[in-house]
């Protein structure tokens, strides 16, 4: 999972650099389509300062009273 996160981070940031240099001009939506990811995922990766920030484990909420 860590390797996949780092690979996605690299792919997204390479494309963002292209946007900034106006080489390809892809939007975040276009990047999401190309990589088969949700726009929200691409946005989260784009906002991350580094891949390690994305690897931090976030606890899942516990559903109390479910069932």
N, C-alpha and C. Protein backbone atom coordinates (compact mmCIF):
# COMPACT_ATOMS: atom_id res chain seq x y z
N UNK A 1 0.82 -1.19 0.00
CA UNK A 1 0.00 0.00 0.00
C UNK A 1 0.87 1.26 0.00
N UNK A 2 1.97 1.24 0.73
CA UNK A 2 2.85 2.40 0.78
C UNK A 2 3.47 2.65 -0.60
N UNK A 3 3.86 1.59 -1.27
CA UNK A 3 4.45 1.74 -2.61
C UNK A 3 3.44 2.34 -3.58
N UNK A 4 2.19 1.89 -3.49
CA UNK A 4 1.15 2.41 -4.37
C UNK A 4 0.88 3.89 -4.09
N UNK A 5 0.87 4.26 -2.82
CA UNK A 5 0.66 5.65 -2.44
C UNK A 5 1.77 6.53 -2.99
N UNK A 6 2.99 6.08 -2.84
CA UNK A 6 4.14 6.87 -3.35
C UNK A 6 4.11 6.97 -4.88
N UNK A 7 3.72 5.89 -5.54
CA UNK A 7 3.65 5.92 -7.00
C UNK A 7 2.56 6.88 -7.47
N UNK A 8 1.40 6.84 -6.83
CA UNK A 8 0.32 7.76 -7.20
C UNK A 8 0.73 9.21 -6.94
N UNK A 9 1.36 9.44 -5.79
CA UNK A 9 1.82 10.79 -5.46
C UNK A 9 2.75 11.31 -6.57
N UNK A 10 3.69 10.47 -6.99
CA UNK A 10 4.64 10.85 -8.03
C UNK A 10 3.92 11.15 -9.35
N UNK A 11 2.99 10.27 -9.75
CA UNK A 11 2.26 10.46 -11.00
C UNK A 11 1.47 11.76 -10.99
N UNK A 12 0.77 12.01 -9.91
CA UNK A 12 -0.06 13.22 -9.82
C UNK A 12 0.79 14.46 -9.83
N UNK A 13 1.87 14.47 -9.07
CA UNK A 13 2.70 15.67 -9.01
C UNK A 13 3.47 15.92 -10.30
N UNK A 14 3.82 14.87 -11.04
CA UNK A 14 4.43 15.06 -12.36
C UNK A 14 3.46 15.78 -13.28
N UNK A 15 2.19 15.38 -13.23
CA UNK A 15 1.19 16.02 -14.09
C UNK A 15 0.88 17.44 -13.64
N UNK A 16 0.90 17.67 -12.34
CA UNK A 16 0.67 19.03 -11.84
C UNK A 16 1.79 19.94 -12.30
N UNK A 17 3.02 19.46 -12.28
CA UNK A 17 4.14 20.26 -12.77
C UNK A 17 3.95 20.61 -14.24
N UNK A 18 3.41 19.68 -15.01
CA UNK A 18 3.13 19.95 -16.42
C UNK A 18 2.07 21.05 -16.55
N UNK A 19 1.07 21.01 -15.67
CA UNK A 19 0.04 22.04 -15.70
C UNK A 19 0.67 23.40 -15.45
N UNK A 20 1.53 23.45 -14.42
CA UNK A 20 2.15 24.71 -14.06
C UNK A 20 3.05 25.24 -15.17
N UNK A 21 3.66 24.35 -15.92
CA UNK A 21 4.52 24.77 -17.03
C UNK A 21 3.75 24.89 -18.33
N UNK A 22 2.46 24.57 -18.28
CA UNK A 22 1.56 24.65 -19.44
C UNK A 22 2.01 23.76 -20.60
N UNK A 23 2.64 22.64 -20.28
CA UNK A 23 3.05 21.72 -21.33
C UNK A 23 1.88 20.87 -21.81
N UNK A 24 1.09 20.37 -20.87
CA UNK A 24 -0.06 19.55 -21.25
C UNK A 24 -1.37 20.25 -20.94
N UNK A 25 -1.37 21.03 -19.89
CA UNK A 25 -2.56 21.78 -19.54
C UNK A 25 -3.70 20.95 -18.97
N UNK A 26 -3.39 19.78 -18.39
CA UNK A 26 -4.44 18.93 -17.83
C UNK A 26 -4.99 19.54 -16.54
N UNK A 27 -6.27 19.41 -16.36
CA UNK A 27 -6.90 19.80 -15.11
C UNK A 27 -6.82 18.62 -14.14
N UNK A 28 -7.16 18.87 -12.88
CA UNK A 28 -7.19 17.77 -11.91
C UNK A 28 -8.21 16.72 -12.33
N UNK A 29 -9.29 17.16 -12.93
CA UNK A 29 -10.31 16.22 -13.41
C UNK A 29 -9.73 15.32 -14.51
N UNK A 30 -8.95 15.90 -15.42
CA UNK A 30 -8.34 15.12 -16.49
C UNK A 30 -7.33 14.13 -15.93
N UNK A 31 -6.57 14.56 -14.92
CA UNK A 31 -5.61 13.67 -14.27
C UNK A 31 -6.36 12.51 -13.62
N UNK A 32 -7.47 12.79 -12.95
CA UNK A 32 -8.27 11.74 -12.30
C UNK A 32 -8.76 10.73 -13.34
N UNK A 33 -9.25 11.22 -14.46
CA UNK A 33 -9.73 10.31 -15.52
C UNK A 33 -8.59 9.44 -16.04
N UNK A 34 -7.45 10.05 -16.29
CA UNK A 34 -6.31 9.32 -16.85
C UNK A 34 -5.80 8.24 -15.90
N UNK A 35 -5.78 8.54 -14.60
CA UNK A 35 -5.25 7.59 -13.62
C UNK A 35 -6.33 6.70 -13.00
N UNK A 36 -7.59 6.88 -13.43
CA UNK A 36 -8.72 6.10 -12.91
C UNK A 36 -8.85 6.26 -11.40
N UNK A 37 -8.78 7.51 -10.95
CA UNK A 37 -8.94 7.85 -9.54
C UNK A 37 -10.07 8.86 -9.43
N UNK A 38 -10.62 8.99 -8.24
CA UNK A 38 -11.65 10.01 -8.05
C UNK A 38 -10.99 11.38 -8.01
N UNK A 39 -11.77 12.40 -8.32
CA UNK A 39 -11.25 13.77 -8.29
C UNK A 39 -10.82 14.15 -6.88
N UNK A 40 -11.56 13.65 -5.89
CA UNK A 40 -11.21 13.92 -4.50
C UNK A 40 -9.85 13.33 -4.12
N UNK A 41 -9.58 12.12 -4.61
CA UNK A 41 -8.29 11.48 -4.34
C UNK A 41 -7.17 12.29 -4.98
N UNK A 42 -7.35 12.70 -6.22
CA UNK A 42 -6.32 13.50 -6.90
C UNK A 42 -6.10 14.81 -6.15
N UNK A 43 -7.18 15.43 -5.70
CA UNK A 43 -7.07 16.68 -4.96
C UNK A 43 -6.31 16.48 -3.65
N UNK A 44 -6.60 15.38 -2.95
CA UNK A 44 -5.91 15.09 -1.68
C UNK A 44 -4.41 14.89 -1.92
N UNK A 45 -4.07 14.15 -2.98
CA UNK A 45 -2.67 13.93 -3.31
C UNK A 45 -2.01 15.23 -3.76
N UNK A 46 -2.72 16.05 -4.49
CA UNK A 46 -2.18 17.31 -4.99
C UNK A 46 -1.88 18.27 -3.84
N UNK A 47 -2.71 18.25 -2.81
CA UNK A 47 -2.51 19.14 -1.66
C UNK A 47 -1.41 18.67 -0.72
N UNK A 48 -1.06 17.40 -0.79
CA UNK A 48 -0.06 16.84 0.12
C UNK A 48 1.32 17.44 -0.19
N UNK A 49 2.04 17.76 0.85
CA UNK A 49 3.38 18.32 0.70
C UNK A 49 4.36 17.25 0.25
N UNK A 50 4.18 16.03 0.77
CA UNK A 50 5.03 14.91 0.38
C UNK A 50 4.24 13.61 0.54
N UNK A 51 4.81 12.53 0.02
CA UNK A 51 4.11 11.25 0.06
C UNK A 51 3.95 10.74 1.49
N UNK A 52 4.89 11.05 2.37
CA UNK A 52 4.82 10.59 3.75
C UNK A 52 3.58 11.15 4.45
N UNK A 53 3.17 12.34 4.08
CA UNK A 53 1.98 12.94 4.67
C UNK A 53 0.75 12.10 4.36
N UNK A 54 0.71 11.46 3.21
CA UNK A 54 -0.42 10.63 2.81
C UNK A 54 -0.40 9.26 3.47
N UNK A 55 0.77 8.84 3.94
CA UNK A 55 0.92 7.52 4.52
C UNK A 55 0.52 7.48 5.99
N UNK A 56 0.28 8.62 6.60
CA UNK A 56 -0.13 8.65 7.99
C UNK A 56 -1.45 7.89 8.14
N UNK A 57 -1.49 7.02 9.07
CA UNK A 57 -2.69 6.20 9.28
C UNK A 57 -3.75 7.04 9.98
N UNK A 58 -4.91 7.10 9.36
CA UNK A 58 -6.04 7.80 9.95
C UNK A 58 -7.01 6.77 10.51
N UNK A 59 -7.33 6.88 11.79
CA UNK A 59 -8.28 5.90 12.34
C UNK A 59 -9.66 6.04 11.72
N UNK A 60 -10.30 4.93 11.48
CA UNK A 60 -11.65 4.93 10.93
C UNK A 60 -12.64 5.19 12.05
N UNK A 61 -13.69 5.93 11.75
CA UNK A 61 -14.69 6.18 12.78
C UNK A 61 -15.42 4.89 13.16
N UNK A 62 -15.77 4.79 14.43
CA UNK A 62 -16.50 3.63 14.92
C UNK A 62 -17.99 3.93 14.87
N UNK A 63 -18.74 3.03 14.29
CA UNK A 63 -20.19 3.21 14.18
C UNK A 63 -20.84 2.68 15.46
N UNK A 64 -21.21 3.59 16.33
CA UNK A 64 -21.84 3.21 17.59
C UNK A 64 -23.34 2.99 17.37
N UNK A 65 -23.85 1.96 17.92
CA UNK A 65 -25.28 1.70 17.85
C UNK A 65 -25.75 1.18 16.50
N UNK A 66 -24.81 0.80 15.63
CA UNK A 66 -25.21 0.28 14.31
C UNK A 66 -25.72 -1.14 14.49
N UNK A 67 -26.76 -1.44 13.80
CA UNK A 67 -27.23 -2.81 13.80
C UNK A 67 -28.50 -2.98 14.41
